[in-house]
């Protein structure tokens, strides 16, 4: 079954109570597209290093330790690339929108509006 990104994005936009900005829609559209190549590259590197990390020979103890470290680093940075980077980048997506929201709050406070009290 093929994954239809545009249909999924339209479904998500209909379910949300607010309209997605261009940046959010770009992040949602790029997620499935980026997932496959990143996972293929990372998992290939990890699977190639597994036999080396088992240290079958006596002389390969130093290489085994290095392989274990590389496997851990690859796992961590794969998670970082797929989850943390998109989340953090969406937090800082549109500073003007956040500034406008803050100005509205301050404007209400200075005009004596009782909205949100």
PDB file of N, CA and C in Angstrom:
ATOM      1  N   UNK A   1       0.846  -1.178   0.000  1.00  0.00           N
ATOM      2  CA  UNK A   1       0.000   0.000   0.000  1.00  0.00           C
ATOM      3  C   UNK A   1       0.886   1.232   0.000  1.00  0.00           C
ATOM      4  N   UNK A   2       0.702   2.099  -0.950  1.00  0.00           N
ATOM      5  CA  UNK A   2       1.512   3.306  -1.079  1.00  0.00           C
ATOM      6  C   UNK A   2       1.047   4.351  -0.078  1.00  0.00           C
ATOM      7  N   UNK A   3       1.980   5.085   0.441  1.00  0.00           N
ATOM      8  CA  UNK A   3       1.688   6.143   1.397  1.00  0.00           C
ATOM      9  C   UNK A   3       1.465   7.431   0.631  1.00  0.00           C
ATOM     10  N   UNK A   4       0.273   7.982   0.699  1.00  0.00           N
ATOM     11  CA  UNK A   4      -0.059   9.204  -0.010  1.00  0.00           C
ATOM     12  C   UNK A   4       0.127  10.377   0.945  1.00  0.00           C
ATOM     13  N   UNK A   5       1.209  11.122   0.761  1.00  0.00           N
ATOM     14  CA  UNK A   5       1.573  12.202   1.664  1.00  0.00           C
ATOM     15  C   UNK A   5       0.553  13.329   1.595  1.00  0.00           C
ATOM     16  N   UNK A   6       0.129  13.699   0.399  1.00  0.00           N
ATOM     17  CA  UNK A   6      -0.798  14.816   0.255  1.00  0.00           C
ATOM     18  C   UNK A   6      -2.146  14.502   0.893  1.00  0.00           C
ATOM     19  N   UNK A   7      -2.632  13.281   0.738  1.00  0.00           N
ATOM     20  CA  UNK A   7      -3.907  12.908   1.348  1.00  0.00           C
ATOM     21  C   UNK A   7      -3.794  12.890   2.867  1.00  0.00           C
ATOM     22  N   UNK A   8      -2.677  12.392   3.381  1.00  0.00           N
ATOM     23  CA  UNK A   8      -2.470  12.358   4.829  1.00  0.00           C
ATOM     24  C   UNK A   8      -2.363  13.770   5.391  1.00  0.00           C
ATOM     25  N   UNK A   9      -1.678  14.657   4.685  1.00  0.00           N
ATOM     26  CA  UNK A   9      -1.549  16.039   5.112  1.00  0.00           C
ATOM     27  C   UNK A   9      -2.911  16.730   5.120  1.00  0.00           C
ATOM     28  N   UNK A  10      -3.731  16.480   4.105  1.00  0.00           N
ATOM     29  CA  UNK A  10      -5.073  17.062   4.056  1.00  0.00           C
ATOM     30  C   UNK A  10      -5.924  16.548   5.212  1.00  0.00           C
ATOM     31  N   UNK A  11      -5.792  15.270   5.540  1.00  0.00           N
ATOM     32  CA  UNK A  11      -6.545  14.702   6.655  1.00  0.00           C
ATOM     33  C   UNK A  11      -6.124  15.329   7.976  1.00  0.00           C
ATOM     34  N   UNK A  12      -4.831  15.512   8.164  1.00  0.00           N
ATOM     35  CA  UNK A  12      -4.321  16.112   9.398  1.00  0.00           C
ATOM     36  C   UNK A  12      -4.794  17.556   9.518  1.00  0.00           C
ATOM     37  N   UNK A  13      -4.764  18.306   8.417  1.00  0.00           N
ATOM     38  CA  UNK A  13      -5.197  19.697   8.447  1.00  0.00           C
ATOM     39  C   UNK A  13      -6.675  19.813   8.791  1.00  0.00           C
ATOM     40  N   UNK A  14      -7.486  18.876   8.344  1.00  0.00           N
ATOM     41  CA  UNK A  14      -8.916  18.915   8.663  1.00  0.00           C
ATOM     42  C   UNK A  14      -9.166  18.614  10.132  1.00  0.00           C
ATOM     43  N   UNK A  15      -8.333  17.782  10.743  1.00  0.00           N
ATOM     44  CA  UNK A  15      -8.531  17.410  12.134  1.00  0.00           C
ATOM     45  C   UNK A  15      -8.043  18.483  13.102  1.00  0.00           C
ATOM     46  N   UNK A  16      -7.101  19.305  12.684  1.00  0.00           N
ATOM     47  CA  UNK A  16      -6.544  20.306  13.585  1.00  0.00           C
ATOM     48  C   UNK A  16      -7.477  21.501  13.719  1.00  0.00           C
ATOM     49  N   UNK A  17      -7.525  22.106  14.906  1.00  0.00           N
ATOM     50  CA  UNK A  17      -8.395  23.267  15.096  1.00  0.00           C
ATOM     51  C   UNK A  17      -7.817  24.548  14.503  1.00  0.00           C
ATOM     52  N   UNK A  18      -6.587  24.528  14.052  1.00  0.00           N
ATOM     53  CA  UNK A  18      -5.951  25.701  13.469  1.00  0.00           C
ATOM     54  C   UNK A  18      -5.367  25.324  12.118  1.00  0.00           C
ATOM     55  N   UNK A  19      -5.016  26.320  11.343  1.00  0.00           N
ATOM     56  CA  UNK A  19      -4.464  26.095  10.012  1.00  0.00           C
ATOM     57  C   UNK A  19      -2.953  25.898  10.107  1.00  0.00           C
ATOM     58  N   UNK A  20      -2.451  24.930   9.397  1.00  0.00           N
ATOM     59  CA  UNK A  20      -1.009  24.684   9.389  1.00  0.00           C
ATOM     60  C   UNK A  20      -0.319  25.739   8.544  1.00  0.00           C
ATOM     61  N   UNK A  21       0.792  26.251   9.052  1.00  0.00           N
ATOM     62  CA  UNK A  21       1.570  27.182   8.244  1.00  0.00           C
ATOM     63  C   UNK A  21       2.355  26.388   7.206  1.00  0.00           C
ATOM     64  N   UNK A  22       3.002  27.072   6.310  1.00  0.00           N
ATOM     65  CA  UNK A  22       3.779  26.409   5.270  1.00  0.00           C
ATOM     66  C   UNK A  22       4.906  25.571   5.838  1.00  0.00           C
ATOM     67  N   UNK A  23       5.494  26.030   6.947  1.00  0.00           N
ATOM     68  CA  UNK A  23       6.616  25.307   7.524  1.00  0.00           C
ATOM     69  C   UNK A  23       6.158  23.989   8.134  1.00  0.00           C
ATOM     70  N   UNK A  24       5.060  23.999   8.870  1.00  0.00           N
ATOM     71  CA  UNK A  24       4.554  22.767   9.472  1.00  0.00           C
ATOM     72  C   UNK A  24       4.180  21.751   8.400  1.00  0.00           C
ATOM     73  N   UNK A  25       3.538  22.215   7.360  1.00  0.00           N
ATOM     74  CA  UNK A  25       3.156  21.286   6.298  1.00  0.00           C
ATOM     75  C   UNK A  25       4.396  20.732   5.601  1.00  0.00           C
ATOM     76  N   UNK A  26       5.436  21.547   5.477  1.00  0.00           N
ATOM     77  CA  UNK A  26       6.679  21.063   4.872  1.00  0.00           C
ATOM     78  C   UNK A  26       7.337  20.000   5.745  1.00  0.00           C
ATOM     79  N   UNK A  27       7.306  20.189   7.065  1.00  0.00           N
ATOM     80  CA  UNK A  27       7.885  19.201   7.983  1.00  0.00           C
ATOM     81  C   UNK A  27       7.098  17.901   7.917  1.00  0.00           C
ATOM     82  N   UNK A  28       5.770  18.003   7.900  1.00  0.00           N
ATOM     83  CA  UNK A  28       4.943  16.796   7.829  1.00  0.00           C
ATOM     84  C   UNK A  28       5.116  16.064   6.501  1.00  0.00           C
ATOM     85  N   UNK A  29       5.308  16.810   5.443  1.00  0.00           N
ATOM     86  CA  UNK A  29       5.483  16.181   4.135  1.00  0.00           C
ATOM     87  C   UNK A  29       6.874  15.564   3.992  1.00  0.00           C
ATOM     88  N   UNK A  30       7.877  16.186   4.595  1.00  0.00           N
ATOM     89  CA  UNK A  30       9.251  15.695   4.458  1.00  0.00           C
ATOM     90  C   UNK A  30       9.536  14.501   5.359  1.00  0.00           C
ATOM     91  N   UNK A  31       8.767  14.327   6.420  1.00  0.00           N
ATOM     92  CA  UNK A  31       9.016  13.232   7.361  1.00  0.00           C
ATOM     93  C   UNK A  31       9.061  11.864   6.715  1.00  0.00           C
ATOM     94  N   UNK A  32       7.997  11.439   6.033  1.00  0.00           N
ATOM     95  CA  UNK A  32       8.026  10.112   5.400  1.00  0.00           C
ATOM     96  C   UNK A  32       9.053  10.004   4.277  1.00  0.00           C
ATOM     97  N   UNK A  33       9.315  11.114   3.610  1.00  0.00           N
ATOM     98  CA  UNK A  33      10.282  11.089   2.509  1.00  0.00           C
ATOM     99  C   UNK A  33      11.696  10.898   3.043  1.00  0.00           C
ATOM    100  N   UNK A  34      12.011  11.522   4.162  1.00  0.00           N
ATOM    101  CA  UNK A  34      13.351  11.430   4.751  1.00  0.00           C
ATOM    102  C   UNK A  34      13.570  10.139   5.518  1.00  0.00           C
ATOM    103  N   UNK A  35      12.492   9.526   5.975  1.00  0.00           N
ATOM    104  CA  UNK A  35      12.609   8.366   6.860  1.00  0.00           C
ATOM    105  C   UNK A  35      13.369   7.210   6.229  1.00  0.00           C
ATOM    106  N   UNK A  36      13.009   6.819   5.031  1.00  0.00           N
ATOM    107  CA  UNK A  36      13.600   5.641   4.396  1.00  0.00           C
ATOM    108  C   UNK A  36      15.116   5.771   4.168  1.00  0.00           C
ATOM    109  N   UNK A  37      15.602   6.846   3.519  1.00  0.00           N
ATOM    110  CA  UNK A  37      17.057   6.904   3.302  1.00  0.00           C
ATOM    111  C   UNK A  37      17.875   7.001   4.590  1.00  0.00           C
ATOM    112  N   UNK A  38      17.340   7.719   5.572  1.00  0.00           N
ATOM    113  CA  UNK A  38      18.080   7.845   6.831  1.00  0.00           C
ATOM    114  C   UNK A  38      18.149   6.498   7.540  1.00  0.00           C
ATOM    115  N   UNK A  39      17.021   5.797   7.614  1.00  0.00           N
ATOM    116  CA  UNK A  39      17.026   4.482   8.266  1.00  0.00           C
ATOM    117  C   UNK A  39      17.877   3.466   7.511  1.00  0.00           C
ATOM    118  N   UNK A  40      17.822   3.486   6.188  1.00  0.00           N
ATOM    119  CA  UNK A  40      18.632   2.537   5.406  1.00  0.00           C
ATOM    120  C   UNK A  40      20.119   2.746   5.659  1.00  0.00           C
ATOM    121  N   UNK A  41      20.551   3.992   5.656  1.00  0.00           N
ATOM    122  CA  UNK A  41      21.964   4.287   5.868  1.00  0.00           C
ATOM    123  C   UNK A  41      22.399   3.906   7.281  1.00  0.00           C
ATOM    124  N   UNK A  42      21.607   4.315   8.260  1.00  0.00           N
ATOM    125  CA  UNK A  42      21.978   4.039   9.654  1.00  0.00           C
ATOM    126  C   UNK A  42      21.954   2.548   9.965  1.00  0.00           C
ATOM    127  N   UNK A  43      20.894   1.871   9.553  1.00  0.00           N
ATOM    128  CA  UNK A  43      20.797   0.444   9.855  1.00  0.00           C
ATOM    129  C   UNK A  43      21.854  -0.378   9.125  1.00  0.00           C
ATOM    130  N   UNK A  44      22.213   0.024   7.921  1.00  0.00           N
ATOM    131  CA  UNK A  44      23.287  -0.676   7.209  1.00  0.00           C
ATOM    132  C   UNK A  44      24.595  -0.570   7.981  1.00  0.00           C
ATOM    133  N   UNK A  45      24.906   0.633   8.444  1.00  0.00           N
ATOM    134  CA  UNK A  45      26.138   0.817   9.208  1.00  0.00           C
ATOM    135  C   UNK A  45      26.101   0.011  10.500  1.00  0.00           C
ATOM    136  N   UNK A  46      24.970   0.035  11.186  1.00  0.00           N
ATOM    137  CA  UNK A  46      24.856  -0.697  12.446  1.00  0.00           C
ATOM    138  C   UNK A  46      24.967  -2.205  12.220  1.00  0.00           C
ATOM    139  N   UNK A  47      24.266  -2.734  11.213  1.00  0.00           N
ATOM    140  CA  UNK A  47      24.309  -4.175  10.959  1.00  0.00           C
ATOM    141  C   UNK A  47      25.693  -4.651  10.512  1.00  0.00           C
ATOM    142  N   UNK A  48      26.422  -3.811   9.800  1.00  0.00           N
ATOM    143  CA  UNK A  48      27.778  -4.185   9.373  1.00  0.00           C
ATOM    144  C   UNK A  48      28.710  -4.244  10.581  1.00  0.00           C
ATOM    145  N   UNK A  49      28.473  -3.405  11.571  1.00  0.00           N
ATOM    146  CA  UNK A  49      29.356  -3.358  12.739  1.00  0.00           C
ATOM    147  C   UNK A  49      29.028  -4.404  13.799  1.00  0.00           C
ATOM    148  N   UNK A  50      27.886  -5.037  13.724  1.00  0.00           N
ATOM    149  CA  UNK A  50      27.515  -6.031  14.749  1.00  0.00           C
ATOM    150  C   UNK A  50      28.510  -7.196  14.810  1.00  0.00           C
ATOM    151  N   UNK A  51      28.900  -7.822  13.689  1.00  0.00           N
ATOM    152  CA  UNK A  51      29.892  -8.905  13.799  1.00  0.00           C
ATOM    153  C   UNK A  51      31.228  -8.437  14.373  1.00  0.00           C
ATOM    154  N   UNK A  52      31.617  -7.214  14.029  1.00  0.00           N
ATOM    155  CA  UNK A  52      32.871  -6.678  14.553  1.00  0.00           C
ATOM    156  C   UNK A  52      32.771  -6.429  16.055  1.00  0.00           C
ATOM    157  N   UNK A  53      31.600  -6.052  16.528  1.00  0.00           N
ATOM    158  CA  UNK A  53      31.438  -5.761  17.959  1.00  0.00           C
ATOM    159  C   UNK A  53      31.416  -7.024  18.816  1.00  0.00           C
ATOM    160  N   UNK A  54      31.204  -8.196  18.221  1.00  0.00           N
ATOM    161  CA  UNK A  54      31.158  -9.432  18.988  1.00  0.00           C
ATOM    162  C   UNK A  54      32.534  -9.958  19.357  1.00  0.00           C
ATOM    163  N   UNK A  55      33.579  -9.507  18.690  1.00  0.00           N
ATOM    164  CA  UNK A  55      34.973  -9.833  19.008  1.00  0.00           C
ATOM    165  C   UNK A  55      35.212 -11.342  19.101  1.00  0.00           C
ATOM    166  N   UNK A  56      35.163 -12.014  17.961  1.00  0.00           N
ATOM    167  CA  UNK A  56      35.372 -13.461  17.922  1.00  0.00           C
ATOM    168  C   UNK A  56      36.838 -13.832  18.143  1.00  0.00           C
ATOM    169  N   UNK A  57      37.763 -12.961  17.795  1.00  0.00           N
ATOM    170  CA  UNK A  57      39.191 -13.255  17.932  1.00  0.00           C
ATOM    171  C   UNK A  57      39.776 -12.458  19.087  1.00  0.00           C
ATOM    172  N   UNK A  58      40.890 -12.924  19.601  1.00  0.00           N
ATOM    173  CA  UNK A  58      41.541 -12.232  20.711  1.00  0.00           C
ATOM    174  C   UNK A  58      42.098 -10.879  20.300  1.00  0.00           C
ATOM    175  N   UNK A  59      42.572 -10.766  19.102  1.00  0.00           N
ATOM    176  CA  UNK A  59      43.212  -9.522  18.673  1.00  0.00           C
ATOM    177  C   UNK A  59      42.204  -8.442  18.275  1.00  0.00           C
ATOM    178  N   UNK A  60      40.927  -8.762  18.294  1.00  0.00           N
ATOM    179  CA  UNK A  60      39.934  -7.780  17.843  1.00  0.00           C
ATOM    180  C   UNK A  60      39.200  -7.096  18.995  1.00  0.00           C
ATOM    181  N   UNK A  61      39.777  -7.131  20.189  1.00  0.00           N
ATOM    182  CA  UNK A  61      39.111  -6.523  21.334  1.00  0.00           C
ATOM    183  C   UNK A  61      39.009  -5.013  21.206  1.00  0.00           C
ATOM    184  N   UNK A  62      40.025  -4.361  20.725  1.00  0.00           N
ATOM    185  CA  UNK A  62      39.994  -2.906  20.557  1.00  0.00           C
ATOM    186  C   UNK A  62      39.006  -2.514  19.463  1.00  0.00           C
ATOM    187  N   UNK A  63      38.981  -3.310  18.393  1.00  0.00           N
ATOM    188  CA  UNK A  63      38.018  -3.022  17.326  1.00  0.00           C
ATOM    189  C   UNK A  63      36.586  -3.243  17.807  1.00  0.00           C
ATOM    190  N   UNK A  64      36.381  -4.222  18.673  1.00  0.00           N
ATOM    191  CA  UNK A  64      35.041  -4.486  19.199  1.00  0.00           C
ATOM    192  C   UNK A  64      34.540  -3.307  20.031  1.00  0.00           C
ATOM    193  N   UNK A  65      35.410  -2.751  20.850  1.00  0.00           N
ATOM    194  CA  UNK A  65      35.025  -1.593  21.659  1.00  0.00           C
ATOM    195  C   UNK A  65      34.673  -0.403  20.769  1.00  0.00           C
ATOM    196  N   UNK A  66      35.455  -0.192  19.738  1.00  0.00           N
ATOM    197  CA  UNK A  66      35.172   0.895  18.800  1.00  0.00           C
ATOM    198  C   UNK A  66      33.856   0.665  18.074  1.00  0.00           C
ATOM    199  N   UNK A  67      33.581  -0.568  17.679  1.00  0.00           N
ATOM    200  CA  UNK A  67      32.334  -0.876  16.982  1.00  0.00           C
ATOM    201  C   UNK A  67      31.125  -0.635  17.880  1.00  0.00           C
ATOM    202  N   UNK A  68      31.244  -0.981  19.144  1.00  0.00           N
ATOM    203  CA  UNK A  68      30.138  -0.749  20.076  1.00  0.00           C
ATOM    204  C   UNK A  68      29.865   0.742  20.226  1.00  0.00           C
ATOM    205  N   UNK A  69      30.916   1.520  20.325  1.00  0.00           N
ATOM    206  CA  UNK A  69      30.755   2.976  20.440  1.00  0.00           C
ATOM    207  C   UNK A  69      30.104   3.543  19.184  1.00  0.00           C
ATOM    208  N   UNK A  70      30.551   3.114  18.020  1.00  0.00           N
ATOM    209  CA  UNK A  70      29.985   3.612  16.761  1.00  0.00           C
ATOM    210  C   UNK A  70      28.520   3.206  16.630  1.00  0.00           C
ATOM    211  N   UNK A  71      28.170   2.006  17.053  1.00  0.00           N
ATOM    212  CA  UNK A  71      26.768   1.572  17.007  1.00  0.00           C
ATOM    213  C   UNK A  71      25.909   2.470  17.913  1.00  0.00           C
ATOM    214  N   UNK A  72      26.395   2.752  19.091  1.00  0.00           N
ATOM    215  CA  UNK A  72      25.664   3.635  20.003  1.00  0.00           C
ATOM    216  C   UNK A  72      25.505   5.035  19.453  1.00  0.00           C
ATOM    217  N   UNK A  73      26.572   5.566  18.876  1.00  0.00           N
ATOM    218  CA  UNK A  73      26.524   6.916  18.305  1.00  0.00           C
ATOM    219  C   UNK A  73      25.568   6.964  17.119  1.00  0.00           C
ATOM    220  N   UNK A  74      25.623   5.958  16.261  1.00  0.00           N
ATOM    221  CA  UNK A  74      24.717   5.924  15.100  1.00  0.00           C
ATOM    222  C   UNK A  74      23.256   5.848  15.541  1.00  0.00           C
ATOM    223  N   UNK A  75      22.980   5.053  16.563  1.00  0.00           N
ATOM    224  CA  UNK A  75      21.611   4.937  17.065  1.00  0.00           C
ATOM    225  C   UNK A  75      21.133   6.270  17.637  1.00  0.00           C
ATOM    226  N   UNK A  76      21.974   6.907  18.424  1.00  0.00           N
ATOM    227  CA  UNK A  76      21.616   8.191  19.030  1.00  0.00           C
ATOM    228  C   UNK A  76      21.374   9.262  17.978  1.00  0.00           C
ATOM    229  N   UNK A  77      22.289   9.388  17.022  1.00  0.00           N
ATOM    230  CA  UNK A  77      22.144  10.450  16.033  1.00  0.00           C
ATOM    231  C   UNK A  77      21.050  10.162  15.007  1.00  0.00           C
ATOM    232  N   UNK A  78      20.706   8.905  14.799  1.00  0.00           N
ATOM    233  CA  UNK A  78      19.555   8.594  13.953  1.00  0.00           C
ATOM    234  C   UNK A  78      18.285   9.081  14.625  1.00  0.00           C
ATOM    235  N   UNK A  79      18.147   8.812  15.914  1.00  0.00           N
ATOM    236  CA  UNK A  79      17.011   9.319  16.671  1.00  0.00           C
ATOM    237  C   UNK A  79      16.992  10.842  16.664  1.00  0.00           C
ATOM    238  N   UNK A  80      18.148  11.443  16.856  1.00  0.00           N
ATOM    239  CA  UNK A  80      18.255  12.898  16.861  1.00  0.00           C
ATOM    240  C   UNK A  80      17.815  13.482  15.524  1.00  0.00           C
ATOM    241  N   UNK A  81      18.252  12.870  14.433  1.00  0.00           N
ATOM    242  CA  UNK A  81      17.915  13.362  13.103  1.00  0.00           C
ATOM    243  C   UNK A  81      16.436  13.204  12.785  1.00  0.00           C
ATOM    244  N   UNK A  82      15.847  12.091  13.175  1.00  0.00           N
ATOM    245  CA  UNK A  82      14.460  11.818  12.805  1.00  0.00           C
ATOM    246  C   UNK A  82      13.433  12.451  13.730  1.00  0.00           C
ATOM    247  N   UNK A  83      13.783  12.682  14.985  1.00  0.00           N
ATOM    248  CA  UNK A  83      12.791  13.164  15.942  1.00  0.00           C
ATOM    249  C   UNK A  83      13.124  14.551  16.476  1.00  0.00           C
ATOM    250  N   UNK A  84      14.294  14.712  17.043  1.00  0.00           N
ATOM    251  CA  UNK A  84      14.611  15.941  17.765  1.00  0.00           C
ATOM    252  C   UNK A  84      14.770  17.136  16.820  1.00  0.00           C
ATOM    253  N   UNK A  85      15.464  16.986  15.724  1.00  0.00           N
ATOM    254  CA  UNK A  85      15.697  18.108  14.812  1.00  0.00           C
ATOM    255  C   UNK A  85      14.390  18.668  14.246  1.00  0.00           C
ATOM    256  N   UNK A  86      13.459  17.841  13.739  1.00  0.00           N
ATOM    257  CA  UNK A  86      12.198  18.427  13.264  1.00  0.00           C
ATOM    258  C   UNK A  86      11.379  19.101  14.372  1.00  0.00           C
ATOM    259  N   UNK A  87      11.382  18.520  15.572  1.00  0.00           N
ATOM    260  CA  UNK A  87      10.612  19.113  16.665  1.00  0.00           C
ATOM    261  C   UNK A  87      11.194  20.463  17.060  1.00  0.00           C
ATOM    262  N   UNK A  88      12.502  20.524  17.228  1.00  0.00           N
ATOM    263  CA  UNK A  88      13.143  21.783  17.625  1.00  0.00           C
ATOM    264  C   UNK A  88      13.009  22.826  16.523  1.00  0.00           C
ATOM    265  N   UNK A  89      13.118  22.418  15.276  1.00  0.00           N
ATOM    266  CA  UNK A  89      12.999  23.391  14.192  1.00  0.00           C
ATOM    267  C   UNK A  89      11.583  23.943  14.082  1.00  0.00           C
ATOM    268  N   UNK A  90      10.568  23.155  14.435  1.00  0.00           N
ATOM    269  CA  UNK A  90       9.205  23.692  14.414  1.00  0.00           C
ATOM    270  C   UNK A  90       8.949  24.632  15.587  1.00  0.00           C
ATOM    271  N   UNK A  91       9.713  24.502  16.656  1.00  0.00           N
ATOM    272  CA  UNK A  91       9.567  25.434  17.771  1.00  0.00           C
ATOM    273  C   UNK A  91      10.026  26.837  17.400  1.00  0.00           C
ATOM    274  N   UNK A  92      11.013  26.912  16.507  1.00  0.00           N
ATOM    275  CA  UNK A  92      11.565  28.201  16.110  1.00  0.00           C
ATOM    276  C   UNK A  92      11.183  28.574  14.688  1.00  0.00           C
ATOM    277  N   UNK A  93      10.048  28.105  14.214  1.00  0.00           N
ATOM    278  CA  UNK A  93       9.702  28.262  12.806  1.00  0.00           C
ATOM    279  C   UNK A  93       9.345  29.677  12.414  1.00  0.00           C
ATOM    280  N   UNK A  94       8.542  30.374  13.201  1.00  0.00           N
ATOM    281  CA  UNK A  94       8.030  31.669  12.778  1.00  0.00           C
ATOM    282  C   UNK A  94       8.066  32.654  13.946  1.00  0.00           C
ATOM    283  N   UNK A  95       9.187  33.345  14.126  1.00  0.00           N
ATOM    284  CA  UNK A  95       9.281  34.268  15.256  1.00  0.00           C
ATOM    285  C   UNK A  95       8.289  35.424  15.145  1.00  0.00           C
ATOM    286  N   UNK A  96       7.910  35.831  13.924  1.00  0.00           N
ATOM    287  CA  UNK A  96       6.948  36.922  13.771  1.00  0.00           C
ATOM    288  C   UNK A  96       5.592  36.530  14.334  1.00  0.00           C
ATOM    289  N   UNK A  97       5.190  35.288  14.119  1.00  0.00           N
ATOM    290  CA  UNK A  97       3.907  34.822  14.642  1.00  0.00           C
ATOM    291  C   UNK A  97       3.914  34.832  16.160  1.00  0.00           C
ATOM    292  N   UNK A  98       5.005  34.407  16.756  1.00  0.00           N
ATOM    293  CA  UNK A  98       5.091  34.402  18.211  1.00  0.00           C
ATOM    294  C   UNK A  98       5.113  35.835  18.753  1.00  0.00           C
ATOM    295  N   UNK A  99       5.819  36.721  18.077  1.00  0.00           N
ATOM    296  CA  UNK A  99       5.879  38.114  18.484  1.00  0.00           C
ATOM    297  C   UNK A  99       4.494  38.739  18.412  1.00  0.00           C
ATOM    298  N   UNK A 100       3.757  38.441  17.363  1.00  0.00           N
ATOM    299  CA  UNK A 100       2.411  38.979  17.215  1.00  0.00           C
ATOM    300  C   UNK A 100       1.507  38.486  18.344  1.00  0.00           C
ATOM    301  N   UNK A 101       1.629  37.230  18.710  1.00  0.00           N
ATOM    302  CA  UNK A 101       0.828  36.683  19.803  1.00  0.00           C
ATOM    303  C   UNK A 101       1.177  37.369  21.121  1.00  0.00           C
ATOM    304  N   UNK A 102       2.454  37.622  21.356  1.00  0.00           N
ATOM    305  CA  UNK A 102       2.865  38.318  22.584  1.00  0.00           C
ATOM    306  C   UNK A 102       2.344  39.749  22.596  1.00  0.00           C
ATOM    307  N   UNK A 103       2.382  40.409  21.437  1.00  0.00           N
ATOM    308  CA  UNK A 103       1.892  41.781  21.365  1.00  0.00           C
ATOM    309  C   UNK A 103       0.399  41.833  21.676  1.00  0.00           C
ATOM    310  N   UNK A 104      -0.357  40.831  21.220  1.00  0.00           N
ATOM    311  CA  UNK A 104      -1.788  40.794  21.508  1.00  0.00           C
ATOM    312  C   UNK A 104      -2.030  40.652  23.004  1.00  0.00           C
ATOM    313  N   UNK A 105      -1.237  39.803  23.665  1.00  0.00           N
ATOM    314  CA  UNK A 105      -1.392  39.613  25.101  1.00  0.00           C
ATOM    315  C   UNK A 105      -1.076  40.902  25.838  1.00  0.00           C
ATOM    316  N   UNK A 106       0.020  41.571  25.463  1.00  0.00           N
ATOM    317  CA  UNK A 106       0.402  42.817  26.118  1.00  0.00           C
ATOM    318  C   UNK A 106      -0.614  43.915  25.818  1.00  0.00           C
ATOM    319  N   UNK A 107      -1.151  43.943  24.618  1.00  0.00           N
ATOM    320  CA  UNK A 107      -2.144  44.946  24.260  1.00  0.00           C
ATOM    321  C   UNK A 107      -3.394  44.770  25.115  1.00  0.00           C
ATOM    322  N   UNK A 108      -3.836  43.529  25.306  1.00  0.00           N
ATOM    323  CA  UNK A 108      -4.998  43.262  26.157  1.00  0.00           C
ATOM    324  C   UNK A 108      -4.722  43.706  27.591  1.00  0.00           C
ATOM    325  N   UNK A 109      -3.500  43.459  28.055  1.00  0.00           N
ATOM    326  CA  UNK A 109      -3.174  43.822  29.439  1.00  0.00           C
ATOM    327  C   UNK A 109      -3.196  45.329  29.631  1.00  0.00           C
ATOM    328  N   UNK A 110      -2.708  46.091  28.655  1.00  0.00           N
ATOM    329  CA  UNK A 110      -2.636  47.528  28.784  1.00  0.00           C
ATOM    330  C   UNK A 110      -3.963  48.225  28.512  1.00  0.00           C
ATOM    331  N   UNK A 111      -4.829  47.602  27.744  1.00  0.00           N
ATOM    332  CA  UNK A 111      -6.129  48.226  27.455  1.00  0.00           C
ATOM    333  C   UNK A 111      -7.185  47.855  28.481  1.00  0.00           C
ATOM    334  N   UNK A 112      -6.865  46.953  29.376  1.00  0.00           N
ATOM    335  CA  UNK A 112      -7.803  46.590  30.421  1.00  0.00           C
ATOM    336  C   UNK A 112      -8.793  45.536  30.002  1.00  0.00           C
ATOM    337  N   UNK A 113      -8.525  44.843  28.926  1.00  0.00           N
ATOM    338  CA  UNK A 113      -9.422  43.795  28.472  1.00  0.00           C
ATOM    339  C   UNK A 113      -9.374  42.637  29.462  1.00  0.00           C
ATOM    340  N   UNK A 114     -10.532  42.044  29.746  1.00  0.00           N
ATOM    341  CA  UNK A 114     -10.582  40.964  30.721  1.00  0.00           C
ATOM    342  C   UNK A 114     -10.589  39.588  30.059  1.00  0.00           C
ATOM    343  N   UNK A 115     -10.144  39.507  28.825  1.00  0.00           N
ATOM    344  CA  UNK A 115     -10.116  38.225  28.122  1.00  0.00           C
ATOM    345  C   UNK A 115      -9.033  37.358  28.742  1.00  0.00           C
ATOM    346  N   UNK A 116      -9.369  36.145  29.095  1.00  0.00           N
ATOM    347  CA  UNK A 116      -8.395  35.203  29.631  1.00  0.00           C
ATOM    348  C   UNK A 116      -8.154  35.352  31.114  1.00  0.00           C
ATOM    349  N   UNK A 117      -8.951  36.170  31.809  1.00  0.00           N
ATOM    350  CA  UNK A 117      -8.755  36.360  33.251  1.00  0.00           C
ATOM    351  C   UNK A 117      -9.765  35.564  34.007  1.00  0.00           C
TER     352      UNK A 117
END
